[in-house]
Structure formats: C-alpha cells, structure tokens
Amino acid sequence: MAWFKRVKPSIRTTDRRDMPEGLWWKCEECGAMLHKKQLEDHFYTCSECSHHFRISPYKYFSILFDDDKYSEFADNLRSADPLKFTDTKKYPDRVHDIIEKTGKTEACRNAYGESGGYPLVVSAMDFGFIGGSMGSAVGEKIARAVDKSLELQAPLLVISQSGGARMMEGAFSLMQMAKTAARLTRLSQQKLPFISLLTDPTMGGITASFAMLGDINISEPKALIGFAGPRVIRDTIKRDLPEGFQRAEFLLEHGFVDLIVPRRELKNQLVRLLGMMRT
C-alpha cells in the first residue's frame, strides 16, 4: 500500500524531568501505595485496581515506538499572546512559569518512528501543561502532524488528553477546532489511516473536533470523554444523568468509541490495527 514507507527515526530518550518525584505514588482510585518501579512495570497503571495514571507524551512514545527510537518535529512552536490576556497574571508570565516549573514547552509533542515495524506519526497531548488546552500552537502542531503523515505516507495517531480550548487565546483557540478537523480530511483523501486515542480527560473543543474523527476511536479504560462537564449539562437540561455517562465504557456501549484498550495492550493492539489497515 502507498502508506507503507519506512522511516529512519533517531533515538530520543525520556526527559528525566518528566519522571515522578520520590519512590512512591498513591493510587487516586483505590489508595494503594505503589513503588515507582511497580508503576513503570505496569505501564503507569495501578497493579491493584488497574487505574490508569495520566502520563506524558514521552512515556507514550516510549511505549509505542520500537526500541524507544523516534524523531521529534515541530518542537519549536510556542504559544503567542494575541489578546494580551491577563487574569491573575499575564498569559506570557503564566506560560513562562509553567515552562520553568515543568520543563514542558507546550501541551502537545509530535514524533515519528516505527511501531511493530510499521511507520507511524504520533501527536500526543499533555495535561500537565495548562490542562492540555488547545491554543494556536497546539492546533498548529496537530496540523503539522497531519502534514508529516502525508510526507511520509504513514498512519497518524493522535493521543488526546485535554480539558478543551485554551481560554487565554479566545477565538484564536476555537479556530483550531475547524483547522485540525479540516486538515484531517487530507489524510482521508490520501487513504491514510487516522487513529484517535482518547485518554483521561478528553473534553471540550478537543472532543468536538479532531478527537472523534478517527477511522478508529480507541479509549483507555474509564477515560472521561465529553464536551461540557456533567454539572453544566445537568443544570442546562434540568434532568438527572445516567451514571458514568461520560466514561469510556458508556460511550463504547453507545457506539461513540470503537475499542477500549488497557495501556499494557496498547502497542500490540495498535500494531494489529496497522497491519489490518495495510492490507
């Protein structure tokens, strides 16, 4: 098939600043105390209750790419301040403080490499940077991930982890919904696969745009997926809502999600899908 084109990735190891501080983590779901080595061995899921901790793009890259080899691209894009926005502090100051504190530079990272021997482009969002919100830089990164897929004739995987649009950029942020959705049509025209992975949380403008447009929509277990929050919906329609109606399992049952895949099985499932789409 046209999209099966090999690439030569370079080695990019996980950023040490992204590793957890200390040796023990407490599970948010069951309260179990988990050693850092336990978490790594279980793909950052709880060995007691299978709760999936939020992880960064680099950890997803390490899980998905063969031998942890990949090349990043479009990593020089940064948030602008088109509205000169200020709340409790100026928007550029907020961004600067987050960069200084976390070492992260935006709420999305792009990379390409091979997964199971198949070429793959991955755009992964990061809740640790302003709640994974999509501003103009994030929208442009996802658009460039589409362009890289077209250039390499390789499938695209987008990993969503976001609270929605970035309010500090106003309409410029909302414009990214149309931009990313429109750019994805180019993959369809070239018959290149687009796989969307929904993780906790995938909310707001992310759900309303590219996240639900995959040829296959995959979710991690119990991921929160929706547009508005449950309280906003309840107060708007003045009705009680079904239990867990915005969780992955409910959405799978009602046809909004195609598969729920535990993180430890993610790469194997992805490789199977890439093989099926190649034939």
Protein backbone atom coordinates (compact mmCIF):
# COMPACT_ATOMS: atom_id res chain seq x y z
CA MET A 1 0.00 0.00 0.00
CA ALA A 2 1.10 3.58 -0.56
CA TRP A 3 1.35 4.43 3.12
CA PHE A 4 3.83 1.64 3.95
CA LYS A 5 7.01 3.68 3.68
CA ARG A 6 9.89 3.01 6.07
CA VAL A 7 11.43 5.86 8.07
CA LYS A 8 14.72 6.18 9.89
CA PRO A 9 14.00 7.50 13.39
CA SER A 10 16.67 8.84 15.71
CA ILE A 11 16.97 7.97 19.39
CA ARG A 12 15.15 10.24 21.87
CA THR A 13 15.21 9.12 25.47
CA THR A 14 12.63 10.13 28.06
CA ASP A 15 13.20 13.54 29.62
CA ARG A 16 14.26 12.99 33.24
CA ARG A 17 12.19 16.00 34.33
CA ASP A 18 9.15 14.01 33.31
CA MET A 19 9.85 11.21 35.80
CA PRO A 20 7.88 11.16 39.08
CA GLU A 21 9.49 12.65 42.17
CA GLY A 22 10.08 10.23 45.03
CA LEU A 23 9.75 6.44 45.05
CA TRP A 24 6.10 6.03 46.00
CA TRP A 25 2.83 7.09 44.41
CA LYS A 26 -0.64 6.78 45.89
CA CYS A 27 -3.36 5.44 43.61
CA GLU A 28 -6.11 8.04 43.20
CA GLU A 29 -8.72 5.30 42.76
CA CYS A 30 -8.07 2.68 45.46
CA GLY A 31 -5.48 4.36 47.70
CA ALA A 32 -2.81 1.68 47.19
CA MET A 33 0.79 2.79 47.69
CA LEU A 34 2.77 1.93 44.56
CA HIS A 35 6.52 1.88 44.13
CA LYS A 36 7.88 3.76 41.14
CA LYS A 37 9.29 0.52 39.69
CA GLN A 38 5.83 -1.10 40.01
CA LEU A 39 4.32 1.75 38.04
CA GLU A 40 6.92 1.50 35.29
CA ASP A 41 6.46 -2.27 35.04
CA HIS A 42 2.68 -1.85 34.79
CA PHE A 43 2.80 0.99 32.23
CA TYR A 44 1.82 3.55 34.90
CA THR A 45 -1.35 1.72 35.88
CA CYS A 46 -2.27 0.55 39.37
CA SER A 47 -1.39 -3.11 39.97
CA GLU A 48 -4.30 -3.35 42.46
CA CYS A 49 -7.25 -1.75 40.60
CA SER A 50 -5.86 -1.04 37.08
CA HIS A 51 -6.38 2.73 37.45
CA HIS A 52 -4.58 4.49 34.58
CA PHE A 53 -2.39 7.39 35.73
CA ARG A 54 -2.02 10.31 33.36
CA ILE A 55 1.30 10.11 31.57
CA SER A 56 3.23 12.48 29.34
CA PRO A 57 3.86 12.30 25.59
CA TYR A 58 7.36 10.96 26.20
CA LYS A 59 6.02 7.98 28.12
CA TYR A 60 3.56 7.23 25.32
CA PHE A 61 6.40 7.49 22.80
CA SER A 62 8.43 5.05 24.87
CA ILE A 63 5.51 2.59 24.98
CA LEU A 64 4.59 2.82 21.30
CA PHE A 65 7.78 3.24 19.29
CA ASP A 66 10.06 0.27 18.67
CA ASP A 67 13.13 0.27 20.94
CA ASP A 68 12.20 3.75 22.19
CA LYS A 69 13.54 5.22 18.93
CA TYR A 70 11.79 8.20 17.39
CA SER A 71 12.35 11.66 15.99
CA GLU A 72 10.54 14.74 17.24
CA PHE A 73 9.40 17.52 14.93
CA ALA A 74 7.68 20.91 15.19
CA ASP A 75 9.04 21.17 18.74
CA ASN A 76 9.95 24.84 18.36
CA LEU A 77 6.36 26.13 18.31
CA ARG A 78 5.34 28.25 21.30
CA SER A 79 2.18 29.96 22.48
CA ALA A 80 1.66 33.57 21.42
CA ASP A 81 -0.44 36.16 23.24
CA PRO A 82 -2.77 37.52 20.54
CA LEU A 83 -5.26 39.01 23.03
CA LYS A 84 -2.75 40.40 25.56
CA PHE A 85 -4.69 38.31 28.05
CA THR A 86 -4.42 38.82 31.81
CA ASP A 87 -6.30 37.13 34.66
CA THR A 88 -4.45 36.67 37.95
CA LYS A 89 -1.27 37.07 35.90
CA LYS A 90 -0.31 37.84 32.32
CA TYR A 91 -0.61 34.94 29.91
CA PRO A 92 3.09 35.02 28.84
CA ASP A 93 4.10 35.04 32.51
CA ARG A 94 1.89 32.03 33.18
CA VAL A 95 3.41 30.13 30.29
CA HIS A 96 6.92 31.09 31.38
CA ASP A 97 6.27 29.89 34.94
CA ILE A 98 4.97 26.53 33.71
CA ILE A 99 7.99 26.06 31.45
CA GLU A 100 10.31 26.88 34.34
CA LYS A 101 8.49 24.54 36.72
CA THR A 102 7.94 21.53 34.46
CA GLY A 103 10.41 21.80 31.61
CA LYS A 104 7.49 21.31 29.21
CA THR A 105 7.17 23.84 26.41
CA GLU A 106 3.64 23.17 25.09
CA ALA A 107 0.62 20.94 25.60
CA CYS A 108 1.47 18.72 22.62
CA ARG A 109 4.51 16.90 21.24
CA ASN A 110 5.00 15.30 17.83
CA ALA A 111 7.21 12.38 16.83
CA TYR A 112 7.57 9.75 14.14
CA GLY A 113 9.17 6.34 14.11
CA GLU A 114 8.11 2.72 13.78
CA SER A 115 5.70 0.62 15.82
CA GLY A 116 5.87 -3.11 15.23
CA GLY A 117 7.88 -2.33 12.11
CA TYR A 118 5.17 -0.08 10.69
CA PRO A 119 5.85 3.63 10.16
CA LEU A 120 3.82 5.84 12.47
CA VAL A 121 3.38 9.54 13.23
CA VAL A 122 2.19 10.37 16.76
CA SER A 123 0.88 13.66 18.13
CA ALA A 124 0.41 13.40 21.89
CA MET A 125 -1.21 15.96 24.17
CA ASP A 126 -0.06 16.69 27.73
CA PHE A 127 -2.49 17.59 30.53
CA GLY A 128 0.48 18.78 32.59
CA PHE A 129 0.74 21.96 30.50
CA ILE A 130 -2.25 24.26 31.22
CA GLY A 131 -4.58 21.27 31.37
CA GLY A 132 -3.58 20.11 27.88
CA SER A 133 -5.60 23.02 26.49
CA MET A 134 -5.52 23.65 22.75
CA GLY A 135 -4.29 27.05 21.73
CA SER A 136 -2.93 28.13 18.36
CA ALA A 137 0.43 26.39 18.91
CA VAL A 138 -1.21 23.05 19.76
CA GLY A 139 -3.54 23.33 16.77
CA GLU A 140 -0.58 24.02 14.52
CA LYS A 141 1.33 21.04 15.94
CA ILE A 142 -1.54 18.69 15.20
CA ALA A 143 -1.86 20.18 11.70
CA ARG A 144 1.86 19.61 11.13
CA ALA A 145 1.49 16.02 12.33
CA VAL A 146 -1.04 15.55 9.53
CA ASP A 147 1.45 17.11 7.10
CA LYS A 148 4.19 14.74 8.33
CA SER A 149 1.89 11.76 7.78
CA LEU A 150 1.28 12.93 4.23
CA GLU A 151 5.01 13.48 3.66
CA LEU A 152 5.94 10.01 4.95
CA GLN A 153 2.78 8.33 3.66
CA ALA A 154 2.39 6.93 7.18
CA PRO A 155 -0.61 6.50 9.51
CA LEU A 156 -1.33 9.12 12.17
CA LEU A 157 -2.13 8.50 15.84
CA VAL A 158 -3.34 11.45 17.92
CA ILE A 159 -3.42 10.95 21.70
CA SER A 160 -5.91 13.32 23.31
CA GLN A 161 -5.52 14.44 26.93
CA SER A 162 -7.10 17.84 27.40
CA GLY A 163 -9.67 19.96 29.15
CA GLY A 164 -10.55 21.71 25.89
CA ALA A 165 -9.79 25.04 24.25
CA ARG A 166 -7.34 27.49 25.83
CA MET A 167 -9.42 30.40 27.12
CA MET A 168 -6.42 32.77 27.18
CA GLU A 169 -6.42 32.78 23.37
CA GLY A 170 -10.18 33.23 22.92
CA ALA A 171 -11.42 32.84 19.35
CA PHE A 172 -7.89 32.01 18.17
CA SER A 173 -8.17 28.85 20.24
CA LEU A 174 -11.64 27.98 18.95
CA MET A 175 -10.41 28.37 15.37
CA GLN A 176 -8.11 25.39 15.92
CA MET A 177 -11.16 23.11 16.07
CA ALA A 178 -12.01 23.84 12.43
CA LYS A 179 -8.37 23.92 11.40
CA THR A 180 -7.46 20.49 12.75
CA ALA A 181 -10.70 18.85 11.57
CA ALA A 182 -10.25 20.27 8.07
CA ARG A 183 -6.61 19.22 7.87
CA LEU A 184 -7.54 15.62 8.69
CA THR A 185 -9.60 15.41 5.51
CA ARG A 186 -6.33 15.35 3.59
CA LEU A 187 -5.48 12.02 5.19
CA SER A 188 -8.83 10.64 4.13
CA GLN A 189 -8.28 11.84 0.58
CA GLN A 190 -4.94 10.03 0.50
CA LYS A 191 -6.45 6.93 2.18
CA LEU A 192 -4.02 7.20 5.10
CA PRO A 193 -5.29 5.82 8.44
CA PHE A 194 -6.06 8.15 11.33
CA ILE A 195 -6.35 6.50 14.75
CA SER A 196 -7.61 8.58 17.68
CA LEU A 197 -6.69 7.55 21.22
CA LEU A 198 -8.88 9.14 23.89
CA THR A 199 -7.33 9.30 27.36
CA ASP A 200 -8.44 10.87 30.63
CA PRO A 201 -9.67 13.55 30.16
CA THR A 202 -10.76 14.29 26.59
CA MET A 203 -13.15 17.19 26.91
CA GLY A 204 -14.48 20.37 25.33
CA GLY A 205 -13.28 21.52 21.93
CA ILE A 206 -10.97 18.51 21.61
CA THR A 207 -13.93 16.11 21.63
CA ALA A 208 -15.87 18.46 19.35
CA SER A 209 -13.14 18.45 16.72
CA PHE A 210 -10.36 16.01 15.82
CA ALA A 211 -10.62 13.55 18.73
CA MET A 212 -13.82 11.89 17.50
CA LEU A 213 -12.88 11.86 13.80
CA GLY A 214 -10.65 8.80 13.81
CA ASP A 215 -11.09 5.99 11.37
CA ILE A 216 -10.88 4.06 14.62
CA ASN A 217 -11.53 5.70 18.01
CA ILE A 218 -9.76 3.94 20.89
CA SER A 219 -10.05 4.81 24.58
CA GLU A 220 -8.16 3.90 27.71
CA PRO A 221 -10.36 2.36 30.44
CA LYS A 222 -12.60 4.73 32.41
CA ALA A 223 -11.39 7.80 30.50
CA LEU A 224 -13.58 10.89 30.91
CA ILE A 225 -14.81 11.87 27.45
CA GLY A 226 -17.31 14.58 26.59
CA PHE A 227 -17.94 18.19 25.66
CA ALA A 228 -19.35 20.08 28.66
CA GLY A 229 -18.95 18.81 32.21
CA PRO A 230 -21.75 16.80 33.82
CA ARG A 231 -22.77 19.62 36.17
CA VAL A 232 -23.13 22.08 33.29
CA ILE A 233 -25.22 19.59 31.31
CA ARG A 234 -27.43 18.76 34.29
CA ASP A 235 -28.04 22.43 35.09
CA THR A 236 -28.83 23.15 31.44
CA ILE A 237 -31.29 20.35 30.68
CA LYS A 238 -32.65 20.16 34.28
CA ARG A 239 -32.55 16.36 34.27
CA ASP A 240 -30.63 13.67 36.12
CA LEU A 241 -27.97 11.99 34.02
CA PRO A 242 -27.08 8.29 33.70
CA GLU A 243 -24.30 7.08 35.99
CA GLY A 244 -20.92 7.29 34.26
CA PHE A 245 -22.41 8.62 31.03
CA GLN A 246 -19.16 10.37 30.09
CA ARG A 247 -16.89 7.42 30.77
CA ALA A 248 -15.33 5.29 28.06
CA GLU A 249 -17.37 2.20 28.91
CA PHE A 250 -20.69 4.04 28.48
CA LEU A 251 -19.52 5.55 25.19
CA LEU A 252 -18.40 2.14 23.91
CA GLU A 253 -21.82 0.71 24.71
CA HIS A 254 -23.49 3.56 22.81
CA GLY A 255 -21.24 3.46 19.76
CA PHE A 256 -19.09 6.58 20.23
CA VAL A 257 -15.92 4.57 20.89
CA ASP A 258 -14.78 1.53 18.89
CA LEU A 259 -12.40 -0.09 21.37
CA ILE A 260 -11.29 0.21 24.98
CA VAL A 261 -7.67 -0.88 25.28
CA PRO A 262 -5.70 -1.12 28.56
CA ARG A 263 -2.34 0.61 28.28
CA ARG A 264 -0.33 -2.60 28.64
CA GLU A 265 -2.08 -3.91 25.50
CA LEU A 266 -1.96 -0.63 23.57
CA LYS A 267 1.06 -1.27 21.36
CA ASN A 268 0.03 -4.81 20.43
CA GLN A 269 -3.48 -3.63 19.54
CA LEU A 270 -2.11 -0.71 17.57
CA VAL A 271 0.22 -2.98 15.58
CA ARG A 272 -2.68 -5.31 14.79
CA LEU A 273 -4.74 -2.37 13.52
CA LEU A 274 -1.88 -1.05 11.40
CA GLY A 275 -1.47 -4.50 9.86
CA MET A 276 -5.19 -4.74 9.10
CA MET A 277 -5.25 -1.26 7.56
CA ARG A 278 -2.28 -2.07 5.36
CA THR A 279 -4.00 -4.98 3.63
